[in-house]
PDB file of N, CA and C in Angstrom:
ATOM      1  N   MET A   1      12.231  -6.249  -7.366  1.00  0.00           N
ATOM      2  CA  MET A   1      12.524  -5.016  -6.027  1.00  0.00           C
ATOM      3  C   MET A   1      14.101  -4.966  -5.693  1.00  0.00           C
ATOM      4  N   THR A   2      14.773  -3.812  -5.489  1.00  0.00           N
ATOM      5  CA  THR A   2      15.742  -3.625  -5.236  1.00  0.00           C
ATOM      6  C   THR A   2      15.483  -3.587  -3.776  1.00  0.00           C
ATOM      7  N   ALA A   3      17.136  -3.262  -3.068  1.00  0.00           N
ATOM      8  CA  ALA A   3      17.365  -3.285  -1.627  1.00  0.00           C
ATOM      9  C   ALA A   3      16.180  -1.447  -1.336  1.00  0.00           C
ATOM     10  N   THR A   4      16.589  -0.882  -2.135  1.00  0.00           N
ATOM     11  CA  THR A   4      15.581   0.413  -1.297  1.00  0.00           C
ATOM     12  C   THR A   4      14.283   0.480  -1.795  1.00  0.00           C
ATOM     13  N   GLU A   5      13.299  -0.330  -2.124  1.00  0.00           N
ATOM     14  CA  GLU A   5      12.087  -0.379  -2.008  1.00  0.00           C
ATOM     15  C   GLU A   5      12.199  -0.768  -0.556  1.00  0.00           C
ATOM     16  N   VAL A   6      10.615  -0.969  -0.156  1.00  0.00           N
ATOM     17  CA  VAL A   6      10.164  -1.295   1.482  1.00  0.00           C
ATOM     18  C   VAL A   6       8.238  -2.159   1.268  1.00  0.00           C
ATOM     19  N   ARG A   7       8.272  -3.097   1.659  1.00  0.00           N
ATOM     20  CA  ARG A   7       7.071  -4.073   1.636  1.00  0.00           C
ATOM     21  C   ARG A   7       6.742  -3.524   2.756  1.00  0.00           C
ATOM     22  N   THR A   8       5.519  -4.032   2.607  1.00  0.00           N
ATOM     23  CA  THR A   8       4.789  -3.640   4.060  1.00  0.00           C
ATOM     24  C   THR A   8       3.998  -4.804   3.796  1.00  0.00           C
ATOM     25  N   VAL A   9       3.969  -5.436   5.505  1.00  0.00           N
ATOM     26  CA  VAL A   9       4.104  -7.219   5.388  1.00  0.00           C
ATOM     27  C   VAL A   9       3.226  -7.044   7.246  1.00  0.00           C
ATOM     28  N   ALA A  10       2.324  -8.207   7.376  1.00  0.00           N
ATOM     29  CA  ALA A  10       2.413  -8.219   8.574  1.00  0.00           C
ATOM     30  C   ALA A  10       2.440 -10.078   8.977  1.00  0.00           C
ATOM     31  N   LEU A  11       3.758  -9.761   9.684  1.00  0.00           N
ATOM     32  CA  LEU A  11       4.705 -10.542  10.248  1.00  0.00           C
ATOM     33  C   LEU A  11       5.227 -10.716  11.559  1.00  0.00           C
ATOM     34  N   PHE A  12       5.083  -9.549  12.016  1.00  0.00           N
ATOM     35  CA  PHE A  12       5.659  -9.460  12.929  1.00  0.00           C
ATOM     36  C   PHE A  12       4.398  -9.188  14.541  1.00  0.00           C
ATOM     37  N   THR A  13       4.526  -9.954  15.041  1.00  0.00           N
ATOM     38  CA  THR A  13       3.913  -9.530  16.762  1.00  0.00           C
ATOM     39  C   THR A  13       4.738  -8.567  17.774  1.00  0.00           C
ATOM     40  N   ALA A  14       3.564  -7.963  18.512  1.00  0.00           N
ATOM     41  CA  ALA A  14       3.819  -7.489  19.435  1.00  0.00           C
ATOM     42  C   ALA A  14       5.471  -7.323  20.791  1.00  0.00           C
ATOM     43  N   THR A  15       5.499  -8.741  20.550  1.00  0.00           N
ATOM     44  CA  THR A  15       6.258  -9.806  21.354  1.00  0.00           C
ATOM     45  C   THR A  15       7.560  -9.454  20.340  1.00  0.00           C
ATOM     46  N   ASP A  16       7.847  -8.921  19.304  1.00  0.00           N
ATOM     47  CA  ASP A  16       8.920  -9.053  18.322  1.00  0.00           C
ATOM     48  C   ASP A  16       9.859  -7.562  18.813  1.00  0.00           C
ATOM     49  N   ARG A  17      10.837  -8.132  18.606  1.00  0.00           N
ATOM     50  CA  ARG A  17      11.976  -7.030  19.101  1.00  0.00           C
ATOM     51  C   ARG A  17      12.999  -6.439  18.691  1.00  0.00           C
ATOM     52  N   CYS A  18      13.308  -5.273  18.296  1.00  0.00           N
ATOM     53  CA  CYS A  18      15.064  -4.501  17.831  1.00  0.00           C
ATOM     54  C   CYS A  18      15.916  -5.382  17.927  1.00  0.00           C
ATOM     55  N   ASP A  19      17.146  -5.577  17.300  1.00  0.00           N
ATOM     56  CA  ASP A  19      17.561  -6.318  17.500  1.00  0.00           C
ATOM     57  C   ASP A  19      19.024  -5.149  17.625  1.00  0.00           C
ATOM     58  N   ARG A  20      18.781  -3.956  17.997  1.00  0.00           N
ATOM     59  CA  ARG A  20      19.700  -2.858  18.791  1.00  0.00           C
ATOM     60  C   ARG A  20      19.063  -2.716  19.859  1.00  0.00           C
ATOM     61  N   CYS A  21      18.046  -2.651  20.501  1.00  0.00           N
ATOM     62  CA  CYS A  21      17.457  -2.062  21.369  1.00  0.00           C
ATOM     63  C   CYS A  21      16.172  -3.245  21.674  1.00  0.00           C
ATOM     64  N   PRO A  22      14.989  -2.221  23.446  1.00  0.00           N
ATOM     65  CA  PRO A  22      14.474  -3.492  23.661  1.00  0.00           C
ATOM     66  C   PRO A  22      13.034  -2.705  22.969  1.00  0.00           C
ATOM     67  N   ALA A  23      13.216  -2.415  21.782  1.00  0.00           N
ATOM     68  CA  ALA A  23      11.730  -1.220  21.438  1.00  0.00           C
ATOM     69  C   ALA A  23      11.174  -2.666  20.535  1.00  0.00           C
ATOM     70  N   ARG A  24      10.228  -2.722  20.207  1.00  0.00           N
ATOM     71  CA  ARG A  24       8.819  -3.105  19.348  1.00  0.00           C
ATOM     72  C   ARG A  24       9.952  -3.526  17.519  1.00  0.00           C
ATOM     73  N   ALA A  25       9.984  -4.084  17.544  1.00  0.00           N
ATOM     74  CA  ALA A  25      10.672  -4.340  16.082  1.00  0.00           C
ATOM     75  C   ALA A  25       9.124  -4.193  14.876  1.00  0.00           C
ATOM     76  N   THR A  26       9.470  -3.185  13.727  1.00  0.00           N
ATOM     77  CA  THR A  26       8.342  -3.114  13.086  1.00  0.00           C
ATOM     78  C   THR A  26       9.106  -2.784  11.220  1.00  0.00           C
ATOM     79  N   ALA A  27      10.975  -3.702  11.394  1.00  0.00           N
ATOM     80  CA  ALA A  27      11.450  -4.059   9.631  1.00  0.00           C
ATOM     81  C   ALA A  27      11.703  -4.758   9.935  1.00  0.00           C
ATOM     82  N   LEU A  28      12.149  -5.571   9.029  1.00  0.00           N
ATOM     83  CA  LEU A  28      13.231  -6.425   9.033  1.00  0.00           C
ATOM     84  C   LEU A  28      13.677  -6.023   7.434  1.00  0.00           C
ATOM     85  N   VAL A  29      15.763  -6.085   7.914  1.00  0.00           N
ATOM     86  CA  VAL A  29      16.080  -6.526   6.542  1.00  0.00           C
ATOM     87  C   VAL A  29      16.959  -7.512   6.139  1.00  0.00           C
ATOM     88  N   VAL A  30      16.810  -7.810   4.814  1.00  0.00           N
ATOM     89  CA  VAL A  30      16.756  -9.698   4.471  1.00  0.00           C
ATOM     90  C   VAL A  30      18.358  -9.623   3.655  1.00  0.00           C
ATOM     91  N   LEU A  31      19.378 -10.138   4.142  1.00  0.00           N
ATOM     92  CA  LEU A  31      20.300  -9.694   3.550  1.00  0.00           C
ATOM     93  C   LEU A  31      20.417 -10.529   2.612  1.00  0.00           C
ATOM     94  N   ARG A  32      21.651  -9.791   1.762  1.00  0.00           N
ATOM     95  CA  ARG A  32      22.315 -11.076   0.343  1.00  0.00           C
ATOM     96  C   ARG A  32      22.196 -12.320   1.340  1.00  0.00           C
ATOM     97  N   SER A  33      23.561 -11.953   2.452  1.00  0.00           N
ATOM     98  CA  SER A  33      23.675 -13.061   2.816  1.00  0.00           C
ATOM     99  C   SER A  33      22.826 -14.662   3.352  1.00  0.00           C
ATOM    100  N   GLY A  34      21.848 -14.302   3.447  1.00  0.00           N
ATOM    101  CA  GLY A  34      20.986 -14.654   3.725  1.00  0.00           C
ATOM    102  C   GLY A  34      20.425 -14.508   5.234  1.00  0.00           C
ATOM    103  N   GLY A  35      20.940 -13.790   6.012  1.00  0.00           N
ATOM    104  CA  GLY A  35      20.779 -13.741   7.240  1.00  0.00           C
ATOM    105  C   GLY A  35      19.322 -12.396   7.381  1.00  0.00           C
ATOM    106  N   GLU A  36      18.960 -12.094   8.680  1.00  0.00           N
ATOM    107  CA  GLU A  36      17.923 -10.911   8.818  1.00  0.00           C
ATOM    108  C   GLU A  36      17.996 -10.588  10.055  1.00  0.00           C
ATOM    109  N   LEU A  37      17.966  -9.310   9.876  1.00  0.00           N
ATOM    110  CA  LEU A  37      17.565  -8.254  11.077  1.00  0.00           C
ATOM    111  C   LEU A  37      16.629  -7.958  11.275  1.00  0.00           C
ATOM    112  N   ALA A  38      16.184  -7.362  12.373  1.00  0.00           N
ATOM    113  CA  ALA A  38      14.620  -7.236  12.700  1.00  0.00           C
ATOM    114  C   ALA A  38      15.121  -5.584  13.970  1.00  0.00           C
ATOM    115  N   PHE A  39      14.249  -4.776  13.321  1.00  0.00           N
ATOM    116  CA  PHE A  39      14.832  -3.128  13.597  1.00  0.00           C
ATOM    117  C   PHE A  39      13.085  -2.661  13.856  1.00  0.00           C
ATOM    118  N   CYS A  40      13.993  -1.468  15.364  1.00  0.00           N
ATOM    119  CA  CYS A  40      12.639  -0.806  15.326  1.00  0.00           C
ATOM    120  C   CYS A  40      13.084   0.848  14.107  1.00  0.00           C
ATOM    121  N   ASP A  41      11.746   1.464  14.198  1.00  0.00           N
ATOM    122  CA  ASP A  41      11.852   2.408  13.195  1.00  0.00           C
ATOM    123  C   ASP A  41      12.957   3.380  13.142  1.00  0.00           C
ATOM    124  N   HIS A  42      13.798   3.791  15.038  1.00  0.00           N
ATOM    125  CA  HIS A  42      14.451   4.628  14.889  1.00  0.00           C
ATOM    126  C   HIS A  42      15.881   3.793  14.106  1.00  0.00           C
ATOM    127  N   HIS A  43      15.875   2.505  14.081  1.00  0.00           N
ATOM    128  CA  HIS A  43      17.361   1.545  14.315  1.00  0.00           C
ATOM    129  C   HIS A  43      17.247   1.661  12.549  1.00  0.00           C
ATOM    130  N   LEU A  44      16.158   1.471  12.221  1.00  0.00           N
ATOM    131  CA  LEU A  44      15.935   0.591  10.550  1.00  0.00           C
ATOM    132  C   LEU A  44      16.565   2.512  10.217  1.00  0.00           C
ATOM    133  N   ARG A  45      16.090   3.683  10.289  1.00  0.00           N
ATOM    134  CA  ARG A  45      16.552   5.292   9.966  1.00  0.00           C
ATOM    135  C   ARG A  45      18.318   5.279  10.158  1.00  0.00           C
ATOM    136  N   ARG A  46      18.494   5.277  12.041  1.00  0.00           N
ATOM    137  CA  ARG A  46      20.200   5.584  11.695  1.00  0.00           C
ATOM    138  C   ARG A  46      20.698   3.964  11.309  1.00  0.00           C
ATOM    139  N   TYR A  47      20.595   2.712  10.825  1.00  0.00           N
ATOM    140  CA  TYR A  47      21.613   2.048  10.269  1.00  0.00           C
ATOM    141  C   TYR A  47      21.069   1.992   8.368  1.00  0.00           C
ATOM    142  N   ARG A  48      20.085   2.264   8.133  1.00  0.00           N
ATOM    143  CA  ARG A  48      19.606   1.747   6.592  1.00  0.00           C
ATOM    144  C   ARG A  48      21.156   1.892   5.265  1.00  0.00           C
ATOM    145  N   ALA A  49      20.882   3.656   5.647  1.00  0.00           N
ATOM    146  CA  ALA A  49      22.214   3.672   4.090  1.00  0.00           C
ATOM    147  C   ALA A  49      23.360   2.539   4.258  1.00  0.00           C
ATOM    148  N   ALA A  50      24.356   2.793   5.897  1.00  0.00           N
ATOM    149  CA  ALA A  50      24.788   1.229   5.605  1.00  0.00           C
ATOM    150  C   ALA A  50      24.460  -0.540   5.305  1.00  0.00           C
ATOM    151  N   LEU A  51      23.523  -0.353   5.221  1.00  0.00           N
ATOM    152  CA  LEU A  51      23.317  -1.803   5.399  1.00  0.00           C
ATOM    153  C   LEU A  51      22.099  -1.774   3.550  1.00  0.00           C
ATOM    154  N   ALA A  52      22.158  -0.436   3.529  1.00  0.00           N
ATOM    155  CA  ALA A  52      21.552  -0.957   2.052  1.00  0.00           C
ATOM    156  C   ALA A  52      22.564  -1.550   0.804  1.00  0.00           C
ATOM    157  N   PRO A  53      23.965  -1.404   0.745  1.00  0.00           N
ATOM    158  CA  PRO A  53      24.625  -2.117  -0.228  1.00  0.00           C
ATOM    159  C   PRO A  53      24.288  -3.940   0.600  1.00  0.00           C
ATOM    160  N   LEU A  54      24.192  -4.239   1.080  1.00  0.00           N
ATOM    161  CA  LEU A  54      24.064  -5.118   1.627  1.00  0.00           C
ATOM    162  C   LEU A  54      23.037  -6.386   2.009  1.00  0.00           C
ATOM    163  N   ALA A  55      21.435  -5.194   1.836  1.00  0.00           N
ATOM    164  CA  ALA A  55      20.235  -5.694   1.933  1.00  0.00           C
ATOM    165  C   ALA A  55      19.774  -6.203   0.410  1.00  0.00           C
ATOM    166  N   LEU A  56      19.236  -7.678   0.367  1.00  0.00           N
ATOM    167  CA  LEU A  56      18.343  -8.306  -0.647  1.00  0.00           C
ATOM    168  C   LEU A  56      17.817  -7.198  -0.924  1.00  0.00           C
ATOM    169  N   ARG A  57      16.477  -7.017   0.718  1.00  0.00           N
ATOM    170  CA  ARG A  57      15.328  -5.381   0.715  1.00  0.00           C
ATOM    171  C   ARG A  57      14.750  -5.459   1.935  1.00  0.00           C
ATOM    172  N   PHE A  58      14.432  -4.528   1.883  1.00  0.00           N
ATOM    173  CA  PHE A  58      13.485  -4.377   3.693  1.00  0.00           C
ATOM    174  C   PHE A  58      12.697  -4.526   3.382  1.00  0.00           C
ATOM    175  N   GLU A  59      11.926  -5.141   4.658  1.00  0.00           N
ATOM    176  CA  GLU A  59      10.755  -4.695   4.352  1.00  0.00           C
ATOM    177  C   GLU A  59       9.488  -4.692   5.733  1.00  0.00           C
ATOM    178  N   ARG A  60       8.740  -3.459   6.093  1.00  0.00           N
ATOM    179  CA  ARG A  60       8.148  -3.241   6.775  1.00  0.00           C
ATOM    180  C   ARG A  60       7.129  -3.654   7.224  1.00  0.00           C
ATOM    181  N   HIS A  61       7.476  -3.748   8.663  1.00  0.00           N
ATOM    182  CA  HIS A  61       6.640  -5.151   8.661  1.00  0.00           C
ATOM    183  C   HIS A  61       5.459  -4.512  10.062  1.00  0.00           C
ATOM    184  N   VAL A  62       4.327  -5.057  10.364  1.00  0.00           N
ATOM    185  CA  VAL A  62       3.203  -4.580  11.320  1.00  0.00           C
ATOM    186  C   VAL A  62       3.155  -5.922  11.630  1.00  0.00           C
ATOM    187  N   GLU A  63       2.073  -5.407  12.485  1.00  0.00           N
ATOM    188  CA  GLU A  63       1.106  -5.855  13.443  1.00  0.00           C
ATOM    189  C   GLU A  63      -0.508  -6.686  12.672  1.00  0.00           C
ATOM    190  N   LEU A  64      -0.783  -7.508  13.182  1.00  0.00           N
ATOM    191  CA  LEU A  64      -2.249  -8.021  12.253  1.00  0.00           C
ATOM    192  C   LEU A  64      -3.539  -6.704  12.520  1.00  0.00           C
ATOM    193  N   ASP A  65      -3.319  -6.321  13.330  1.00  0.00           N
ATOM    194  CA  ASP A  65      -4.767  -5.489  13.742  1.00  0.00           C
ATOM    195  C   ASP A  65      -4.068  -4.314  12.755  1.00  0.00           C
ATOM    196  N   GLU A  66      -2.395  -3.619  13.061  1.00  0.00           N
ATOM    197  CA  GLU A  66      -2.001  -2.589  12.269  1.00  0.00           C
ATOM    198  C   GLU A  66      -2.835  -2.367  10.660  1.00  0.00           C
ATOM    199  N   ALA A  67      -2.244  -3.445  10.239  1.00  0.00           N
ATOM    200  CA  ALA A  67      -2.538  -3.866   8.621  1.00  0.00           C
ATOM    201  C   ALA A  67      -3.878  -4.191   8.347  1.00  0.00           C
ATOM    202  N   LEU A  68      -4.635  -4.292   9.209  1.00  0.00           N
ATOM    203  CA  LEU A  68      -6.105  -4.679   8.939  1.00  0.00           C
ATOM    204  C   LEU A  68      -6.611  -3.391   8.363  1.00  0.00           C
ATOM    205  N   ALA A  69      -6.837  -2.552   9.462  1.00  0.00           N
ATOM    206  CA  ALA A  69      -6.699  -1.036   9.173  1.00  0.00           C
ATOM    207  C   ALA A  69      -6.296  -0.400   7.534  1.00  0.00           C
ATOM    208  N   PHE A  70      -5.066  -1.171   6.969  1.00  0.00           N
ATOM    209  CA  PHE A  70      -4.948  -0.303   5.540  1.00  0.00           C
ATOM    210  C   PHE A  70      -6.069  -1.092   5.057  1.00  0.00           C
ATOM    211  N   VAL A  71      -6.734  -3.090   4.483  1.00  0.00           N
ATOM    212  CA  VAL A  71      -8.003  -2.717   4.293  1.00  0.00           C
ATOM    213  C   VAL A  71      -9.253  -1.337   4.227  1.00  0.00           C
ATOM    214  N   PRO A  72      -9.700  -1.152   2.812  1.00  0.00           N
ATOM    215  CA  PRO A  72     -10.431  -0.403   2.852  1.00  0.00           C
ATOM    216  C   PRO A  72     -12.009  -1.304   3.160  1.00  0.00           C
ATOM    217  N   ALA A  73     -12.853  -0.148   3.522  1.00  0.00           N
ATOM    218  CA  ALA A  73     -13.978  -1.272   3.834  1.00  0.00           C
ATOM    219  C   ALA A  73     -14.624  -2.198   2.187  1.00  0.00           C
ATOM    220  N   PRO A  74     -15.151  -2.954   2.182  1.00  0.00           N
ATOM    221  CA  PRO A  74     -16.077  -2.554   0.683  1.00  0.00           C
ATOM    222  C   PRO A  74     -16.961  -1.750   0.643  1.00  0.00           C
ATOM    223  N   ALA A  75     -16.800  -1.908  -1.135  1.00  0.00           N
ATOM    224  CA  ALA A  75     -18.418  -1.157  -1.407  1.00  0.00           C
ATOM    225  C   ALA A  75     -19.193  -1.441  -1.217  1.00  0.00           C
ATOM    226  N   ARG A  76     -20.335  -0.291  -1.269  1.00  0.00           N
ATOM    227  CA  ARG A  76     -21.821  -0.789  -0.786  1.00  0.00           C
ATOM    228  C   ARG A  76     -22.312  -0.689  -2.286  1.00  0.00           C
ATOM    229  N   ARG A  77     -23.432  -1.436  -2.030  1.00  0.00           N
ATOM    230  CA  ARG A  77     -24.137  -1.579  -3.073  1.00  0.00           C
ATOM    231  C   ARG A  77     -25.439  -1.106  -2.738  1.00  0.00           C
TER     232      ARG A  77
END
């Protein structure tokens, strides 16, 4: 996975906040140095290009209820 790819995982809760503002965090930037930064969508868009050379990966995090909405219903027999 390169730093330009984004994964969607269910790890954040409604109480997780952006490192730049009080908005709900929806993305995690895992840095090559071992650190992590949490961002809202707005700040991820704003800083993504500058962080790309420093990032190991970008992860899109959603709340569990939102993640379950992506799971397709089982096929009926």
